N, C-alpha and C. Protein backbone atom coordinates (compact mmCIF):
# COMPACT_ATOMS: atom_id res chain seq x y z
N MET A 1 -39.25 -195.24 85.76
CA MET A 1 -38.37 -194.21 86.26
C MET A 1 -37.99 -194.56 87.69
N SER A 2 -36.74 -194.51 87.98
CA SER A 2 -36.22 -194.80 89.31
C SER A 2 -36.65 -193.71 90.28
N PRO A 3 -36.96 -194.08 91.55
CA PRO A 3 -37.29 -193.06 92.55
C PRO A 3 -36.16 -192.04 92.73
N LEU A 4 -34.94 -192.45 92.43
CA LEU A 4 -33.81 -191.53 92.58
C LEU A 4 -33.80 -190.46 91.50
N ALA A 5 -34.51 -190.69 90.38
CA ALA A 5 -34.55 -189.72 89.29
C ALA A 5 -35.69 -188.72 89.43
N ILE A 6 -36.59 -188.96 90.38
CA ILE A 6 -37.75 -188.08 90.58
C ILE A 6 -37.34 -186.95 91.53
N PRO A 7 -37.64 -185.69 91.19
CA PRO A 7 -37.31 -184.58 92.10
C PRO A 7 -37.99 -184.76 93.46
N THR A 8 -37.33 -184.32 94.52
CA THR A 8 -37.83 -184.51 95.88
C THR A 8 -39.20 -183.87 96.08
N HIS A 9 -39.42 -182.66 95.53
CA HIS A 9 -40.73 -182.02 95.73
C HIS A 9 -41.84 -182.86 95.11
N ARG A 10 -41.55 -183.51 94.00
CA ARG A 10 -42.55 -184.39 93.37
C ARG A 10 -42.74 -185.65 94.21
N LEU A 11 -41.64 -186.20 94.74
CA LEU A 11 -41.75 -187.37 95.61
C LEU A 11 -42.58 -187.05 96.85
N ASP A 12 -42.35 -185.87 97.41
CA ASP A 12 -43.15 -185.47 98.58
C ASP A 12 -44.63 -185.40 98.23
N ARG A 13 -44.95 -184.79 97.10
CA ARG A 13 -46.37 -184.70 96.70
C ARG A 13 -46.95 -186.09 96.45
N MET A 14 -46.17 -186.96 95.81
CA MET A 14 -46.65 -188.33 95.57
C MET A 14 -46.85 -189.07 96.90
N ALA A 15 -45.93 -188.88 97.83
CA ALA A 15 -46.03 -189.54 99.13
C ALA A 15 -47.23 -189.02 99.92
N ILE A 16 -47.48 -187.71 99.85
CA ILE A 16 -48.66 -187.15 100.51
C ILE A 16 -49.92 -187.74 99.88
N GLY A 17 -49.94 -187.85 98.57
CA GLY A 17 -51.09 -188.45 97.89
C GLY A 17 -51.31 -189.89 98.30
N LEU A 18 -50.21 -190.66 98.38
CA LEU A 18 -50.32 -192.05 98.81
C LEU A 18 -50.79 -192.13 100.26
N SER A 19 -50.30 -191.24 101.10
CA SER A 19 -50.75 -191.19 102.49
C SER A 19 -52.24 -190.88 102.54
N GLY A 20 -52.68 -189.95 101.69
CA GLY A 20 -54.10 -189.61 101.63
C GLY A 20 -54.94 -190.80 101.20
N LEU A 21 -54.44 -191.56 100.21
CA LEU A 21 -55.16 -192.76 99.79
C LEU A 21 -55.24 -193.76 100.93
N CYS A 22 -54.21 -193.82 101.74
CA CYS A 22 -54.20 -194.72 102.90
C CYS A 22 -55.30 -194.33 103.88
N VAL A 23 -55.43 -193.03 104.14
CA VAL A 23 -56.48 -192.55 105.04
C VAL A 23 -57.86 -192.87 104.46
N VAL A 24 -58.03 -192.61 103.17
CA VAL A 24 -59.31 -192.91 102.51
C VAL A 24 -59.61 -194.40 102.63
N HIS A 25 -58.60 -195.25 102.39
CA HIS A 25 -58.79 -196.69 102.50
C HIS A 25 -59.23 -197.08 103.91
N CYS A 26 -58.54 -196.54 104.92
CA CYS A 26 -58.88 -196.89 106.30
C CYS A 26 -60.30 -196.46 106.67
N LEU A 27 -60.65 -195.24 106.28
CA LEU A 27 -61.99 -194.74 106.60
C LEU A 27 -63.06 -195.48 105.80
N ALA A 28 -62.78 -195.71 104.51
CA ALA A 28 -63.76 -196.42 103.67
C ALA A 28 -63.95 -197.85 104.16
N THR A 29 -62.88 -198.49 104.57
CA THR A 29 -62.98 -199.86 105.09
C THR A 29 -63.83 -199.90 106.34
N SER A 30 -63.61 -198.94 107.22
CA SER A 30 -64.42 -198.90 108.45
C SER A 30 -65.90 -198.72 108.14
N VAL A 31 -66.20 -197.81 107.22
CA VAL A 31 -67.60 -197.58 106.83
C VAL A 31 -68.17 -198.81 106.14
N LEU A 32 -67.41 -199.36 105.21
CA LEU A 32 -67.90 -200.53 104.49
C LEU A 32 -68.04 -201.75 105.39
N LEU A 33 -67.16 -201.89 106.37
CA LEU A 33 -67.31 -202.99 107.32
C LEU A 33 -68.63 -202.88 108.07
N ALA A 34 -69.00 -201.66 108.38
CA ALA A 34 -70.25 -201.45 109.09
C ALA A 34 -71.46 -201.68 108.18
N LEU A 35 -71.32 -201.38 106.89
CA LEU A 35 -72.46 -201.46 105.97
C LEU A 35 -72.58 -202.80 105.24
N VAL A 36 -71.47 -203.29 104.74
CA VAL A 36 -71.52 -204.50 103.90
C VAL A 36 -70.43 -205.46 104.37
N ALA A 37 -70.79 -206.45 105.12
CA ALA A 37 -69.81 -207.35 105.73
C ALA A 37 -68.97 -208.08 104.68
N SER A 38 -69.55 -208.55 103.61
CA SER A 38 -68.78 -209.33 102.64
C SER A 38 -67.76 -208.48 101.88
N LEU A 39 -68.14 -207.28 101.44
CA LEU A 39 -67.22 -206.40 100.74
C LEU A 39 -66.19 -205.83 101.70
N GLY A 40 -66.61 -205.54 102.91
CA GLY A 40 -65.70 -205.00 103.92
C GLY A 40 -64.60 -205.97 104.27
N SER A 41 -64.92 -207.27 104.28
CA SER A 41 -63.88 -208.25 104.60
C SER A 41 -62.83 -208.32 103.50
N THR A 42 -63.22 -208.07 102.26
CA THR A 42 -62.26 -208.06 101.17
C THR A 42 -61.34 -206.84 101.27
N LEU A 43 -61.93 -205.66 101.45
CA LEU A 43 -61.12 -204.44 101.57
C LEU A 43 -60.33 -204.40 102.86
N GLY A 44 -60.81 -205.08 103.88
CA GLY A 44 -60.13 -205.08 105.16
C GLY A 44 -59.10 -206.17 105.30
N ALA A 45 -58.79 -206.86 104.20
CA ALA A 45 -57.81 -207.94 104.24
C ALA A 45 -56.46 -207.42 104.74
N ASN A 46 -55.82 -208.23 105.55
CA ASN A 46 -54.54 -207.83 106.14
C ASN A 46 -53.50 -207.47 105.09
N TRP A 47 -53.46 -208.21 103.99
CA TRP A 47 -52.41 -207.98 103.00
C TRP A 47 -52.55 -206.62 102.34
N ILE A 48 -53.77 -206.11 102.16
CA ILE A 48 -53.96 -204.78 101.56
C ILE A 48 -53.37 -203.73 102.49
N HIS A 49 -53.64 -203.86 103.76
CA HIS A 49 -53.12 -202.92 104.76
C HIS A 49 -51.60 -202.98 104.80
N GLU A 50 -51.05 -204.18 104.83
CA GLU A 50 -49.60 -204.34 104.93
C GLU A 50 -48.88 -203.84 103.68
N VAL A 51 -49.39 -204.17 102.50
CA VAL A 51 -48.75 -203.74 101.26
C VAL A 51 -48.85 -202.22 101.11
N GLY A 52 -50.03 -201.67 101.36
CA GLY A 52 -50.22 -200.22 101.23
C GLY A 52 -49.34 -199.44 102.19
N LEU A 53 -49.30 -199.86 103.45
CA LEU A 53 -48.45 -199.18 104.42
C LEU A 53 -46.98 -199.36 104.08
N GLY A 54 -46.62 -200.55 103.62
CA GLY A 54 -45.23 -200.80 103.24
C GLY A 54 -44.78 -199.87 102.12
N LEU A 55 -45.62 -199.73 101.09
CA LEU A 55 -45.29 -198.83 99.98
C LEU A 55 -45.21 -197.38 100.44
N ALA A 56 -46.16 -196.96 101.27
CA ALA A 56 -46.16 -195.58 101.78
C ALA A 56 -44.91 -195.32 102.62
N MET A 57 -44.50 -196.29 103.41
CA MET A 57 -43.34 -196.12 104.26
C MET A 57 -42.05 -196.05 103.44
N ILE A 58 -41.94 -196.89 102.42
CA ILE A 58 -40.74 -196.86 101.56
C ILE A 58 -40.65 -195.53 100.83
N MET A 59 -41.76 -195.11 100.21
CA MET A 59 -41.75 -193.85 99.47
C MET A 59 -41.48 -192.68 100.41
N GLY A 60 -42.08 -192.71 101.59
CA GLY A 60 -41.87 -191.65 102.56
C GLY A 60 -40.42 -191.55 102.99
N ALA A 61 -39.80 -192.69 103.26
CA ALA A 61 -38.40 -192.70 103.70
C ALA A 61 -37.48 -192.17 102.59
N ILE A 62 -37.75 -192.55 101.35
CA ILE A 62 -36.93 -192.07 100.23
C ILE A 62 -37.06 -190.56 100.09
N ALA A 63 -38.28 -190.05 100.09
CA ALA A 63 -38.51 -188.61 99.90
C ALA A 63 -37.90 -187.80 101.05
N LEU A 64 -38.10 -188.25 102.27
CA LEU A 64 -37.58 -187.51 103.42
C LEU A 64 -36.06 -187.56 103.46
N GLY A 65 -35.47 -188.70 103.15
CA GLY A 65 -34.01 -188.82 103.12
C GLY A 65 -33.38 -187.96 102.05
N ARG A 66 -34.01 -187.93 100.89
CA ARG A 66 -33.49 -187.08 99.82
C ARG A 66 -33.63 -185.61 100.16
N GLY A 67 -34.65 -185.28 100.93
CA GLY A 67 -34.81 -183.89 101.35
C GLY A 67 -33.64 -183.42 102.19
N ILE A 68 -33.17 -184.27 103.10
CA ILE A 68 -32.00 -183.90 103.91
C ILE A 68 -30.80 -183.63 103.00
N LEU A 69 -30.62 -184.48 102.00
CA LEU A 69 -29.48 -184.31 101.09
C LEU A 69 -29.60 -183.03 100.27
N GLU A 70 -30.81 -182.65 99.90
CA GLU A 70 -31.00 -181.48 99.04
C GLU A 70 -31.01 -180.16 99.80
N HIS A 71 -31.71 -180.09 100.94
CA HIS A 71 -31.81 -178.80 101.63
C HIS A 71 -31.09 -178.78 102.97
N GLY A 72 -30.71 -179.92 103.49
CA GLY A 72 -29.90 -179.96 104.70
C GLY A 72 -30.66 -179.87 106.01
N TYR A 73 -31.98 -179.72 105.99
CA TYR A 73 -32.76 -179.62 107.22
C TYR A 73 -33.22 -181.02 107.66
N THR A 74 -33.04 -181.31 108.94
CA THR A 74 -33.42 -182.64 109.43
C THR A 74 -34.80 -182.67 110.08
N MET A 75 -35.36 -181.51 110.43
CA MET A 75 -36.66 -181.48 111.11
C MET A 75 -37.77 -182.17 110.30
N PRO A 76 -37.89 -181.91 108.98
CA PRO A 76 -38.94 -182.62 108.24
C PRO A 76 -38.80 -184.13 108.33
N SER A 77 -37.57 -184.63 108.27
CA SER A 77 -37.36 -186.07 108.35
C SER A 77 -37.62 -186.60 109.75
N ALA A 78 -37.33 -185.80 110.78
CA ALA A 78 -37.61 -186.22 112.15
C ALA A 78 -39.12 -186.36 112.36
N VAL A 79 -39.87 -185.37 111.88
CA VAL A 79 -41.34 -185.42 112.00
C VAL A 79 -41.88 -186.59 111.18
N GLY A 80 -41.42 -186.70 109.93
CA GLY A 80 -41.87 -187.81 109.08
C GLY A 80 -41.47 -189.15 109.64
N GLY A 81 -40.28 -189.24 110.24
CA GLY A 81 -39.83 -190.49 110.85
C GLY A 81 -40.73 -190.92 112.00
N LEU A 82 -41.21 -189.95 112.76
CA LEU A 82 -42.17 -190.27 113.82
C LEU A 82 -43.44 -190.87 113.21
N GLY A 83 -43.92 -190.26 112.13
CA GLY A 83 -45.09 -190.80 111.45
C GLY A 83 -44.85 -192.21 110.92
N LEU A 84 -43.66 -192.44 110.35
CA LEU A 84 -43.31 -193.78 109.86
C LEU A 84 -43.30 -194.78 111.01
N GLY A 85 -42.79 -194.36 112.18
CA GLY A 85 -42.76 -195.24 113.34
C GLY A 85 -44.16 -195.60 113.83
N VAL A 86 -45.05 -194.62 113.83
CA VAL A 86 -46.44 -194.89 114.25
C VAL A 86 -47.10 -195.82 113.25
N MET A 87 -46.84 -195.60 111.96
CA MET A 87 -47.39 -196.49 110.93
C MET A 87 -46.86 -197.91 111.07
N ALA A 88 -45.56 -198.04 111.35
CA ALA A 88 -44.96 -199.37 111.55
C ALA A 88 -45.58 -200.04 112.77
N GLY A 89 -45.81 -199.27 113.82
CA GLY A 89 -46.45 -199.81 115.01
C GLY A 89 -47.87 -200.28 114.71
N ALA A 90 -48.57 -199.57 113.84
CA ALA A 90 -49.94 -199.96 113.48
C ALA A 90 -49.96 -201.32 112.78
N LEU A 91 -48.89 -201.64 112.05
CA LEU A 91 -48.82 -202.94 111.37
C LEU A 91 -48.79 -204.10 112.36
N THR A 92 -48.37 -203.86 113.59
CA THR A 92 -48.27 -204.93 114.58
C THR A 92 -49.55 -205.12 115.38
N MET A 93 -50.53 -204.25 115.17
CA MET A 93 -51.75 -204.30 115.97
C MET A 93 -52.80 -205.19 115.31
N PRO A 94 -53.69 -205.76 116.13
CA PRO A 94 -54.79 -206.54 115.55
C PRO A 94 -55.77 -205.62 114.81
N HIS A 95 -56.47 -206.18 113.85
CA HIS A 95 -57.43 -205.41 113.06
C HIS A 95 -58.76 -205.26 113.81
N ASP A 96 -58.72 -204.48 114.88
CA ASP A 96 -59.93 -204.29 115.68
C ASP A 96 -60.37 -202.83 115.73
N GLY A 97 -59.81 -202.00 114.87
CA GLY A 97 -60.15 -200.59 114.85
C GLY A 97 -59.04 -199.72 115.41
N THR A 98 -58.30 -200.24 116.40
CA THR A 98 -57.20 -199.44 116.95
C THR A 98 -56.11 -199.25 115.92
N GLU A 99 -55.84 -200.28 115.13
CA GLU A 99 -54.79 -200.15 114.12
C GLU A 99 -55.16 -199.10 113.09
N ALA A 100 -56.43 -198.98 112.75
CA ALA A 100 -56.86 -197.95 111.79
C ALA A 100 -56.62 -196.56 112.39
N LEU A 101 -56.91 -196.40 113.65
CA LEU A 101 -56.68 -195.11 114.32
C LEU A 101 -55.19 -194.76 114.31
N TYR A 102 -54.35 -195.71 114.68
CA TYR A 102 -52.90 -195.45 114.68
C TYR A 102 -52.38 -195.22 113.27
N THR A 103 -52.93 -195.91 112.29
CA THR A 103 -52.51 -195.71 110.90
C THR A 103 -52.84 -194.29 110.47
N VAL A 104 -54.04 -193.83 110.75
CA VAL A 104 -54.45 -192.47 110.35
C VAL A 104 -53.59 -191.43 111.06
N VAL A 105 -53.30 -191.63 112.33
CA VAL A 105 -52.44 -190.69 113.06
C VAL A 105 -51.03 -190.68 112.45
N GLY A 106 -50.49 -191.87 112.19
CA GLY A 106 -49.16 -191.96 111.59
C GLY A 106 -49.09 -191.33 110.22
N VAL A 107 -50.11 -191.56 109.41
CA VAL A 107 -50.17 -190.97 108.07
C VAL A 107 -50.24 -189.45 108.16
N ALA A 108 -51.01 -188.93 109.11
CA ALA A 108 -51.11 -187.47 109.27
C ALA A 108 -49.76 -186.87 109.67
N ILE A 109 -49.06 -187.53 110.58
CA ILE A 109 -47.75 -187.03 111.01
C ILE A 109 -46.76 -187.11 109.84
N LEU A 110 -46.79 -188.22 109.09
CA LEU A 110 -45.92 -188.36 107.93
C LEU A 110 -46.22 -187.29 106.88
N ALA A 111 -47.49 -187.02 106.64
CA ALA A 111 -47.86 -185.99 105.66
C ALA A 111 -47.35 -184.62 106.11
N LEU A 112 -47.39 -184.34 107.41
CA LEU A 112 -46.83 -183.10 107.93
C LEU A 112 -45.33 -183.04 107.65
N GLY A 113 -44.63 -184.15 107.85
CA GLY A 113 -43.20 -184.21 107.55
C GLY A 113 -42.93 -183.93 106.08
N HIS A 114 -43.76 -184.50 105.20
CA HIS A 114 -43.60 -184.25 103.76
C HIS A 114 -43.88 -182.79 103.43
N ARG A 115 -44.86 -182.21 104.08
CA ARG A 115 -45.17 -180.79 103.84
C ARG A 115 -44.00 -179.91 104.29
N LEU A 116 -43.45 -180.20 105.45
CA LEU A 116 -42.27 -179.45 105.93
C LEU A 116 -41.09 -179.64 104.98
N ASN A 117 -40.93 -180.85 104.46
CA ASN A 117 -39.86 -181.14 103.51
C ASN A 117 -40.04 -180.32 102.23
N HIS A 118 -41.28 -180.24 101.79
CA HIS A 118 -41.60 -179.48 100.59
C HIS A 118 -41.32 -177.98 100.80
N ILE A 119 -41.70 -177.47 101.96
CA ILE A 119 -41.46 -176.05 102.28
C ILE A 119 -39.96 -175.77 102.37
N ALA A 120 -39.21 -176.68 103.00
CA ALA A 120 -37.77 -176.49 103.16
C ALA A 120 -37.04 -176.49 101.82
N ALA A 121 -37.58 -177.20 100.85
CA ALA A 121 -36.92 -177.29 99.54
C ALA A 121 -37.14 -176.06 98.69
N GLN A 122 -38.05 -175.18 99.09
CA GLN A 122 -38.34 -173.99 98.28
C GLN A 122 -37.38 -172.88 98.54
């Protein structure tokens, strides 16, 4: 099913879920890095972070953009766009813990944007 065929409220919920998985991944990786070095290095691989954030950013942009078209309010997209920007900035940081912090902050801001988008569509 094309993302364009999925209702915006469902896309927002899916994007919030994906953002939540991102937070769980970041927190679990930090814990696992501290506990099990060999498993932590696998979960902490750069490509997992880049692919996951890339997918979350694409889905977030689609859902927020469609929200503007459906309900006409730009505030949810502005808030979500800030979160997307923080997430994009996190991709440029070294994997020393700061990027995980920025990722979690960006994901939280993006999730707020999706929540506002969901409320505006009702």
